[in-house]
Amino acid sequence: MTPKSKAEELVKKFLDATNCYSWEAKQCALIAVDEIIKTEPRYPSNVDWDDAGGTHQYYYEEQRKEANSYWQQVKEEIKKL
């Protein structure tokens, strides 16, 4: 899922769940994404074993970097909505 489509999905879910204004749903989605980023997720990730130098210590670090980048992009897309 692209960062833009994930951002739209999150905001829509908060709109549907809370029946609030769109700016409030955006704030809720931003809070949720910030919490996800704090957990240092490894997914979603398209890191290939070879991209990470072929060792597990680099593989997991590359997954974290890529997932962090993805969620940062989602955050920026939410701000644009």
Protein backbone atom coordinates (compact mmCIF):
# COMPACT_ATOMS: atom_id res chain seq x y z
CA MET A 1 0.00 0.00 0.00
CA THR A 2 1.38 3.40 -0.88
CA PRO A 3 1.93 5.98 1.85
CA LYS A 4 -0.79 8.15 0.31
CA SER A 5 -3.39 5.39 0.25
CA LYS A 6 -2.48 4.37 3.83
CA ALA A 7 -2.90 8.00 4.94
CA GLU A 8 -6.29 8.23 3.28
CA GLU A 9 -7.34 4.90 4.80
CA LEU A 10 -6.36 5.94 8.33
CA VAL A 11 -8.13 9.29 8.15
CA LYS A 12 -11.26 7.64 6.72
CA LYS A 13 -11.25 5.04 9.52
CA PHE A 14 -11.09 7.77 12.15
CA LEU A 15 -13.85 9.71 10.39
CA ASP A 16 -16.06 6.63 10.28
CA ALA A 17 -15.31 5.58 13.85
CA THR A 18 -15.73 8.94 15.53
CA ASN A 19 -18.11 10.85 13.28
CA CYS A 20 -15.95 13.94 13.78
CA TYR A 21 -14.61 16.71 11.55
CA SER A 22 -11.93 15.87 9.02
CA TRP A 23 -9.28 17.97 10.80
CA GLU A 24 -9.96 16.00 14.00
CA ALA A 25 -9.66 12.70 12.13
CA LYS A 26 -6.36 13.89 10.68
CA GLN A 27 -5.07 14.72 14.17
CA CYS A 28 -6.09 11.27 15.41
CA ALA A 29 -4.37 9.62 12.45
CA LEU A 30 -1.20 11.66 13.08
CA ILE A 31 -1.18 10.57 16.72
CA ALA A 32 -1.61 6.94 15.66
CA VAL A 33 1.26 7.16 13.16
CA ASP A 34 3.50 8.82 15.75
CA GLU A 35 2.79 5.91 18.10
CA ILE A 36 3.61 3.41 15.34
CA ILE A 37 6.90 5.21 14.64
CA LYS A 38 7.81 5.10 18.35
CA THR A 39 7.58 1.31 18.32
CA GLU A 40 10.36 1.15 15.70
CA PRO A 41 8.40 -1.20 13.41
CA ARG A 42 10.05 -3.49 10.90
CA TYR A 43 7.03 -3.73 8.61
CA PRO A 44 6.01 -2.87 5.98
CA SER A 45 9.36 -3.61 4.44
CA ASN A 46 10.59 -4.68 1.05
CA VAL A 47 14.18 -5.10 2.18
CA ASP A 48 15.91 -7.97 0.46
CA TRP A 49 18.51 -10.03 2.32
CA ASP A 50 21.10 -8.98 -0.31
CA ASP A 51 20.20 -5.30 0.12
CA ALA A 52 21.24 -5.58 3.76
CA GLY A 53 24.66 -7.08 3.17
CA GLY A 54 23.49 -10.66 3.65
CA THR A 55 23.74 -10.79 7.45
CA HIS A 56 20.88 -10.81 9.91
CA GLN A 57 22.20 -7.89 11.98
CA TYR A 58 21.99 -5.58 8.97
CA TYR A 59 18.80 -7.10 7.63
CA TYR A 60 16.71 -6.14 10.65
CA GLU A 61 18.24 -2.66 10.80
CA GLU A 62 17.42 -2.12 7.13
CA GLN A 63 13.85 -3.29 7.78
CA ARG A 64 13.53 -0.72 10.58
CA LYS A 65 14.92 2.07 8.40
CA GLU A 66 12.58 1.26 5.54
CA ALA A 67 9.52 0.91 7.77
CA ASN A 68 10.36 4.19 9.53
CA SER A 69 10.68 5.91 6.16
CA TYR A 70 7.31 4.49 5.08
CA TRP A 71 5.51 5.73 8.21
CA GLN A 72 7.18 9.14 7.96
CA GLN A 73 5.83 9.36 4.41
CA VAL A 74 2.37 8.36 5.63
CA LYS A 75 2.59 11.14 8.20
CA GLU A 76 3.46 13.69 5.52
CA GLU A 77 0.59 12.49 3.33
CA ILE A 78 -1.87 12.88 6.22
CA LYS A 79 -0.71 16.48 6.66
CA LYS A 80 -1.41 17.14 2.96
CA LEU A 81 -5.02 15.89 3.16
